[in-house]
């Protein structure tokens, strides 16, 4: 009977795993967009999207 208890704890674990995969996918597509406006400038990658606009005018 003691073996059945640990099995139940393992069941809920797999359910939580798939949930974490969803949020991880969202941040992945976010980085690609900023790379396009970079225009070959590595500094823009580190700077926020709003800073890229001001940086372009200064450059």
Protein backbone atom coordinates (compact mmCIF):
# COMPACT_ATOMS: atom_id res chain seq x y z
CA UNK A 1 0.00 0.00 0.00
CA UNK A 2 2.93 2.36 0.70
CA UNK A 3 3.98 2.03 -2.95
CA UNK A 4 0.63 3.45 -4.13
CA UNK A 5 1.10 6.71 -2.19
CA UNK A 6 4.38 7.71 -3.93
CA UNK A 7 2.83 6.92 -7.32
CA UNK A 8 0.11 9.52 -6.78
CA UNK A 9 2.73 12.20 -6.06
CA UNK A 10 4.50 11.39 -9.33
CA UNK A 11 1.28 11.73 -11.37
CA UNK A 12 0.75 15.46 -10.61
CA UNK A 13 4.40 16.20 -11.43
CA UNK A 14 4.08 15.44 -15.21
CA UNK A 15 1.01 17.68 -15.41
CA UNK A 16 2.97 20.67 -14.09
CA UNK A 17 5.81 20.03 -16.57
CA UNK A 18 3.69 20.71 -19.73
CA UNK A 19 2.39 23.93 -18.14
CA UNK A 20 5.92 25.33 -17.85
CA UNK A 21 6.57 24.56 -21.53
CA UNK A 22 3.79 26.95 -22.64
CA UNK A 23 5.28 30.10 -21.01
CA UNK A 24 8.75 29.15 -22.24
CA UNK A 25 7.54 29.12 -25.87
CA UNK A 26 6.14 32.67 -25.58
CA UNK A 27 9.50 34.33 -24.67
CA UNK A 28 11.26 32.44 -27.49
CA UNK A 29 9.44 34.25 -30.37
CA UNK A 30 10.02 37.61 -28.65
CA UNK A 31 13.84 37.75 -29.19
CA UNK A 32 13.69 37.22 -33.02
CA UNK A 33 11.70 40.47 -33.73
CA UNK A 34 14.29 42.78 -32.03
CA UNK A 35 17.04 41.22 -34.17
CA UNK A 36 15.47 42.52 -37.44
CA UNK A 37 15.48 46.24 -36.42
CA UNK A 38 19.06 45.77 -35.22
CA UNK A 39 20.26 46.61 -38.75
CA UNK A 40 23.57 44.87 -37.99
CA UNK A 41 24.09 46.79 -34.71
CA UNK A 42 24.87 44.40 -31.84
CA UNK A 43 24.31 47.19 -29.29
CA UNK A 44 20.62 47.43 -30.28
CA UNK A 45 20.18 43.77 -29.28
CA UNK A 46 20.99 44.59 -25.64
CA UNK A 47 18.98 47.84 -25.67
CA UNK A 48 15.14 47.76 -25.37
CA UNK A 49 12.88 48.15 -28.47
CA UNK A 50 12.04 51.78 -27.50
CA UNK A 51 15.77 52.66 -27.31
CA UNK A 52 16.33 51.33 -30.85
CA UNK A 53 14.15 54.18 -32.22
CA UNK A 54 16.15 56.89 -30.41
CA UNK A 55 19.46 55.15 -31.19
CA UNK A 56 18.67 55.13 -34.93
CA UNK A 57 18.15 58.93 -34.94
CA UNK A 58 21.38 59.55 -33.01
CA UNK A 59 23.37 57.25 -35.29
